[in-house]
Amino acid sequence: MKQLLWYLIAGTRGGETRGKIISFLKQEPSNANKLTSSLHLDYKTIRHHLRILEENRIILAINKGNY
């Protein structure tokens, strides 16, 4: 798990963004819209990174669209 997390954050081009998303979600549950406004990123970019994190079981959707 540590190796996967390291790869997703430090070993890929979008790692910095995924790190910001993970840090934000550790503070409070959120959704893509709130992440978009809080992190000042495009909605499609946020959705892309959320999908990668969810597929790799780093985050979990607790309700449809909430992580």
Protein backbone atom coordinates (compact mmCIF):
# COMPACT_ATOMS: atom_id res chain seq x y z
CA MET A 1 0.00 0.00 0.00
CA LYS A 2 2.82 2.43 0.86
CA GLN A 3 4.50 1.76 -2.48
CA LEU A 4 1.25 2.32 -4.37
CA LEU A 5 0.57 5.55 -2.50
CA TRP A 6 4.12 6.75 -3.12
CA TYR A 7 3.79 5.95 -6.82
CA LEU A 8 0.42 7.72 -7.14
CA ILE A 9 1.73 10.85 -5.42
CA ALA A 10 5.45 11.05 -6.21
CA GLY A 11 5.91 8.79 -9.21
CA THR A 12 3.37 10.22 -11.63
CA ARG A 13 2.71 13.54 -13.31
CA GLY A 14 -0.54 14.19 -11.44
CA GLY A 15 0.84 13.22 -8.07
CA GLU A 16 0.93 16.71 -6.64
CA THR A 17 -2.77 17.18 -7.38
CA ARG A 18 -3.65 13.78 -5.91
CA GLY A 19 -1.67 14.68 -2.79
CA LYS A 20 -3.67 17.89 -2.40
CA ILE A 21 -6.93 15.98 -2.82
CA ILE A 22 -5.94 13.38 -0.22
CA SER A 23 -4.88 16.09 2.25
CA PHE A 24 -8.18 17.92 1.79
CA LEU A 25 -10.22 14.73 2.20
CA LYS A 26 -8.36 13.85 5.42
CA GLN A 27 -9.74 17.06 6.94
CA GLU A 28 -13.36 16.56 5.87
CA PRO A 29 -15.49 14.49 3.50
CA SER A 30 -16.13 16.30 0.26
CA ASN A 31 -17.34 16.02 -3.32
CA ALA A 32 -15.88 17.01 -6.67
CA ASN A 33 -17.61 20.39 -6.75
CA LYS A 34 -16.29 21.42 -3.35
CA LEU A 35 -12.80 20.16 -4.21
CA THR A 36 -12.93 22.14 -7.46
CA SER A 37 -13.62 25.41 -5.70
CA SER A 38 -11.32 24.75 -2.73
CA LEU A 39 -8.32 23.62 -4.79
CA HIS A 40 -8.99 25.99 -7.72
CA LEU A 41 -8.83 23.20 -10.30
CA ASP A 42 -11.02 22.20 -13.22
CA TYR A 43 -13.93 19.86 -12.42
CA LYS A 44 -12.80 17.28 -15.01
CA THR A 45 -9.32 17.30 -13.52
CA ILE A 46 -10.69 16.63 -10.04
CA ARG A 47 -12.96 13.83 -11.32
CA HIS A 48 -10.02 12.24 -13.14
CA HIS A 49 -7.88 12.17 -10.00
CA LEU A 50 -10.76 11.00 -7.79
CA ARG A 51 -11.36 8.10 -10.19
CA ILE A 52 -7.68 7.09 -10.05
CA LEU A 53 -7.63 7.28 -6.24
CA GLU A 54 -10.87 5.32 -5.96
CA GLU A 55 -9.77 2.63 -8.45
CA ASN A 56 -6.60 2.13 -6.41
CA ARG A 57 -8.58 2.01 -3.16
CA ILE A 58 -6.90 5.08 -1.69
CA ILE A 59 -10.25 6.81 -1.18
CA LEU A 60 -13.77 5.48 -0.82
CA ALA A 61 -17.03 7.01 -2.01
CA ILE A 62 -19.33 7.08 1.03
CA ASN A 63 -22.34 8.27 -0.95
CA LYS A 64 -22.65 8.73 -4.66
CA GLY A 65 -20.26 11.59 -5.39
CA ASN A 66 -19.02 12.07 -1.81
CA TYR A 67 -15.56 10.90 -0.72
